[in-house]
Amino acid sequence: MSALTDWLSESSPISRKNAAEAVFEELRSAIISGRIEVGRRLPSEAHLASKYGVSRPVIREALRSLQTLGMTQTRTGSGTFVTTATPSTDLSYSGYSARDLIEARPFIEVPAAGWAALRRTTEQSTRLLKLCDDMEKEEDPLRWVRLDSDFHMLLAEASGNAVFSKIVMDARDALMQQSELVNLMASRRVASNLEHRQIATAVDAGSQDDASRAMELHLGQVKLAVTEIIGAVQPDR
């Protein structure tokens, strides 16, 4: 039997906690080790869901992150294929590199948070706090990423600066891809919820300094997580 057949024959039930993270890591390791060879088509979502004992949405989340790392490619009507066992450290999301986002976001979102504290309407402040409530209750990772995106978009809008709003909107898809990967590989969702709450609370209180500092802290933690991910994608030696 081939290495892929051997691998598929192994039952690998995954704990429900951080299931997508565990599935992603197991698939990534199987590709890096050669058990799933470059050029191979991955088993169907249904087959993988059965192997790991998880739902198909969990499998989809893991597969999206493999594609973000450049390790796989999904071809319409054909399935998902392994493209490389040595992912590049130059991560890219929708045309923006990880470095682009890390360097640019503090110059956009930190001042935007500060201005939002001074210029937000009562309705915008209420919506920001409601988004925090929704993120804290949300269990579905992809829906959480959308809420996260809505939060950052609303904050830029509340700044009253059209340039900030346009830049965040233009980078929205890239930011969502980065958020999904960071949450999967660095287990950042709970900490991120706390950071978003601090930002929203400072904006609601009208404190420009606190809002700016809270956003600076949040982006600093995202930068740290991305830096760790770039190191983690290197194949074991």
Protein backbone atom coordinates (compact mmCIF):
# COMPACT_ATOMS: atom_id res chain seq x y z
CA MET A 1 0.00 0.00 0.00
CA SER A 2 1.07 3.63 -0.54
CA ALA A 3 1.93 5.97 2.30
CA LEU A 4 -1.34 7.81 1.67
CA THR A 5 -3.35 4.58 1.90
CA ASP A 6 -1.61 3.65 5.14
CA TRP A 7 -2.30 7.11 6.54
CA LEU A 8 -5.97 6.98 5.58
CA SER A 9 -6.41 3.60 7.22
CA GLU A 10 -5.44 5.01 10.60
CA SER A 11 -8.34 6.18 12.72
CA SER A 12 -7.43 9.57 14.18
CA PRO A 13 -10.32 10.91 16.27
CA ILE A 14 -9.80 14.51 17.27
CA SER A 15 -10.86 16.21 20.49
CA ARG A 16 -13.74 18.64 19.96
CA LYS A 17 -11.75 21.39 21.65
CA ASN A 18 -9.62 23.18 19.03
CA ALA A 19 -10.65 20.50 16.53
CA ALA A 20 -9.77 22.51 13.42
CA GLU A 21 -6.36 23.36 14.87
CA ALA A 22 -5.66 19.68 15.56
CA VAL A 23 -6.84 18.56 12.11
CA PHE A 24 -4.80 21.28 10.43
CA GLU A 25 -1.64 20.32 12.32
CA GLU A 26 -2.09 16.62 11.58
CA LEU A 27 -2.59 17.27 7.86
CA ARG A 28 0.34 19.70 7.75
CA SER A 29 2.61 17.17 9.45
CA ALA A 30 1.49 14.39 7.09
CA ILE A 31 2.36 16.57 4.08
CA ILE A 32 5.72 17.70 5.46
CA SER A 33 6.70 14.11 6.35
CA GLY A 34 5.76 12.85 2.88
CA ARG A 35 2.95 10.60 4.04
CA ILE A 36 0.77 12.67 1.75
CA GLU A 37 2.93 13.28 -1.30
CA VAL A 38 3.18 16.46 -3.33
CA GLY A 39 0.84 16.22 -6.30
CA ARG A 40 -1.61 13.98 -4.49
CA ARG A 41 -5.27 14.87 -4.22
CA LEU A 42 -6.45 15.03 -0.64
CA PRO A 43 -9.34 12.79 0.39
CA SER A 44 -12.82 14.30 0.24
CA GLU A 45 -14.17 16.42 3.09
CA ALA A 46 -16.53 13.58 4.00
CA HIS A 47 -13.67 11.07 4.14
CA LEU A 48 -11.53 13.37 6.28
CA ALA A 49 -14.46 14.17 8.57
CA SER A 50 -14.99 10.44 9.09
CA LYS A 51 -11.29 9.82 9.72
CA TYR A 52 -11.07 12.52 12.40
CA GLY A 53 -14.58 12.22 13.81
CA VAL A 54 -15.38 15.89 13.26
CA SER A 55 -17.82 17.91 11.16
CA ARG A 56 -17.16 18.97 7.58
CA PRO A 57 -16.99 22.70 8.53
CA VAL A 58 -14.04 21.81 10.79
CA ILE A 59 -12.33 20.13 7.84
CA ARG A 60 -13.03 23.13 5.60
CA GLU A 61 -11.41 25.48 8.10
CA ALA A 62 -8.26 23.34 8.26
CA LEU A 63 -8.13 23.08 4.46
CA ARG A 64 -8.50 26.86 4.00
CA SER A 65 -5.51 27.46 6.25
CA LEU A 66 -3.41 24.89 4.39
CA GLN A 67 -4.20 26.79 1.22
CA THR A 68 -3.31 30.11 2.88
CA LEU A 69 0.10 28.61 3.68
CA GLY A 70 0.45 27.68 0.02
CA MET A 71 0.65 23.95 0.75
CA THR A 72 -2.49 23.03 -1.17
CA GLN A 73 -4.57 24.28 -4.07
CA THR A 74 -8.25 23.68 -4.64
CA ARG A 75 -9.27 23.10 -8.26
CA THR A 76 -12.93 23.53 -9.08
CA GLY A 77 -14.51 20.19 -9.84
CA SER A 78 -11.30 18.27 -9.17
CA GLY A 79 -10.61 18.61 -5.45
CA THR A 80 -7.74 19.82 -3.28
CA PHE A 81 -4.17 18.92 -4.25
CA VAL A 82 -0.89 19.12 -2.33
CA THR A 83 1.41 21.64 -4.02
CA THR A 84 4.43 21.70 -1.71
CA ALA A 85 5.79 20.12 1.45
CA THR A 86 7.95 23.16 2.27
CA PRO A 87 5.67 26.19 2.68
CA SER A 88 7.20 29.61 2.18
CA THR A 89 7.69 31.92 5.13
CA ASP A 90 6.52 34.77 2.89
CA LEU A 91 2.85 34.43 3.75
CA SER A 92 0.45 36.26 1.49
CA TYR A 93 -3.25 37.02 1.73
CA SER A 94 -5.23 38.36 -1.23
CA GLY A 95 -2.23 40.17 -2.66
CA TYR A 96 -0.87 41.51 0.63
CA SER A 97 2.11 39.92 2.34
CA ALA A 98 2.12 39.27 6.06
CA ARG A 99 4.86 41.89 6.31
CA ASP A 100 2.69 44.44 4.47
CA LEU A 101 -0.09 44.05 7.00
CA ILE A 102 2.17 43.99 10.06
CA GLU A 103 3.95 47.19 8.97
CA ALA A 104 0.89 49.14 7.83
CA ARG A 105 -1.82 48.35 10.38
CA PRO A 106 -0.35 50.29 13.35
CA PHE A 107 -0.24 53.47 11.23
CA ILE A 108 -3.90 53.08 10.28
CA GLU A 109 -5.80 51.32 13.03
CA VAL A 110 -4.10 52.83 16.10
CA PRO A 111 -4.96 56.43 15.18
CA ALA A 112 -8.34 55.27 13.86
CA ALA A 113 -9.17 53.83 17.28
CA GLY A 114 -8.12 57.08 18.94
CA TRP A 115 -10.23 59.23 16.64
CA ALA A 116 -13.15 56.81 17.04
CA ALA A 117 -13.10 57.46 20.78
CA LEU A 118 -13.60 61.16 20.08
CA ARG A 119 -15.94 60.99 17.09
CA ARG A 120 -18.05 57.83 17.43
CA THR A 121 -21.79 58.17 17.59
CA THR A 122 -23.79 56.54 20.35
CA GLU A 123 -25.08 54.04 17.81
CA GLN A 124 -21.58 53.13 16.64
CA SER A 125 -20.39 52.66 20.22
CA THR A 126 -23.35 50.42 20.98
CA ARG A 127 -22.68 48.35 17.84
CA LEU A 128 -19.00 47.92 18.76
CA LEU A 129 -19.91 46.60 22.21
CA LYS A 130 -22.56 44.34 20.68
CA LEU A 131 -19.96 42.89 18.28
CA CYS A 132 -17.79 42.10 21.31
CA ASP A 133 -20.75 40.27 22.88
CA ASP A 134 -21.32 38.33 19.67
CA MET A 135 -17.65 37.37 19.28
CA GLU A 136 -17.46 36.12 22.85
CA LYS A 137 -20.48 33.87 22.30
CA GLU A 138 -19.60 32.69 18.77
CA GLU A 139 -18.32 29.11 18.48
CA ASP A 140 -18.10 28.87 14.69
CA PRO A 141 -14.56 29.98 13.68
CA LEU A 142 -15.50 31.39 10.27
CA ARG A 143 -18.45 33.39 11.64
CA TRP A 144 -16.13 34.71 14.35
CA VAL A 145 -13.69 35.91 11.68
CA ARG A 146 -16.52 37.78 9.96
CA LEU A 147 -17.49 39.44 13.24
CA ASP A 148 -13.86 40.38 13.79
CA SER A 149 -13.79 41.97 10.34
CA ASP A 150 -17.04 43.83 11.07
CA PHE A 151 -15.48 45.18 14.28
CA HIS A 152 -12.41 46.60 12.55
CA MET A 153 -14.50 48.03 9.71
CA LEU A 154 -16.90 49.72 12.13
CA LEU A 155 -14.02 51.13 14.16
CA ALA A 156 -12.47 52.67 11.03
CA GLU A 157 -15.87 54.08 10.09
CA ALA A 158 -16.32 55.52 13.59
CA SER A 159 -13.00 57.35 13.25
CA GLY A 160 -14.73 59.72 10.85
CA ASN A 161 -11.74 59.47 8.48
CA ALA A 162 -12.65 58.26 4.99
CA VAL A 163 -9.04 57.31 4.20
CA PHE A 164 -8.83 54.95 7.16
CA SER A 165 -12.19 53.41 6.23
CA LYS A 166 -11.18 52.86 2.60
CA ILE A 167 -7.84 51.28 3.46
CA VAL A 168 -9.39 48.84 5.95
CA MET A 169 -12.14 47.99 3.45
CA ASP A 170 -9.64 47.38 0.64
CA ALA A 171 -7.61 45.06 2.87
CA ARG A 172 -10.65 43.34 4.36
CA ASP A 173 -10.26 39.95 2.62
CA ALA A 174 -6.56 39.81 3.51
CA LEU A 175 -7.27 40.71 7.13
CA MET A 176 -9.92 37.98 7.36
CA GLN A 177 -7.53 35.36 5.96
CA GLN A 178 -4.83 36.43 8.40
CA SER A 179 -7.30 36.36 11.30
CA GLU A 180 -8.44 32.85 10.45
CA LEU A 181 -4.88 31.52 10.19
CA VAL A 182 -3.74 33.25 13.40
CA ASN A 183 -6.70 31.88 15.35
CA LEU A 184 -6.09 28.38 14.02
CA MET A 185 -2.33 28.16 14.50
CA ALA A 186 -1.89 30.38 17.54
CA SER A 187 -5.18 29.79 19.42
CA ARG A 188 -5.73 33.53 19.62
CA ARG A 189 -9.53 33.80 19.70
CA VAL A 190 -10.07 34.06 23.46
CA ALA A 191 -7.26 36.57 23.94
CA SER A 192 -8.46 38.51 20.92
CA ASN A 193 -11.94 38.76 22.43
CA LEU A 194 -10.47 40.40 25.52
CA GLU A 195 -8.42 42.82 23.41
CA HIS A 196 -11.44 43.80 21.31
CA ARG A 197 -13.42 44.41 24.49
CA GLN A 198 -10.71 46.74 25.82
CA ILE A 199 -10.74 48.72 22.57
CA ALA A 200 -14.53 49.01 22.47
CA THR A 201 -14.73 49.98 26.15
CA ALA A 202 -12.16 52.75 25.67
CA VAL A 203 -13.99 54.03 22.59
CA ASP A 204 -17.30 53.98 24.46
CA ALA A 205 -15.69 55.94 27.31
CA GLY A 206 -14.37 58.53 24.88
CA SER A 207 -10.73 57.97 25.88
CA GLN A 208 -8.49 58.59 22.89
CA ASP A 209 -5.30 57.52 24.66
CA ASP A 210 -6.78 54.30 26.06
CA ALA A 211 -8.35 53.35 22.72
CA SER A 212 -5.08 53.93 20.88
CA ARG A 213 -3.10 51.95 23.45
CA ALA A 214 -5.60 49.08 23.40
CA MET A 215 -5.39 48.83 19.62
CA GLU A 216 -1.59 49.04 19.75
CA LEU A 217 -1.55 46.14 22.21
CA HIS A 218 -3.93 44.10 20.05
CA LEU A 219 -1.88 44.60 16.88
CA GLY A 220 1.31 43.83 18.79
CA GLN A 221 -0.10 40.47 19.84
CA VAL A 222 -1.19 39.75 16.27
CA LYS A 223 2.33 40.59 15.06
CA LEU A 224 3.82 38.21 17.64
CA ALA A 225 1.46 35.42 16.57
CA VAL A 226 2.23 35.89 12.88
CA THR A 227 5.97 35.90 13.60
CA GLU A 228 5.61 32.62 15.49
CA ILE A 229 3.56 31.12 12.65
CA ILE A 230 6.22 32.03 10.09
CA GLY A 231 8.69 30.08 12.20
CA ALA A 232 6.27 27.18 12.71
CA VAL A 233 5.62 26.60 9.00
CA GLN A 234 9.19 25.52 8.46
CA PRO A 235 9.55 21.75 8.00
CA ASP A 236 11.01 19.78 10.88
CA ARG A 237 14.69 19.04 10.52
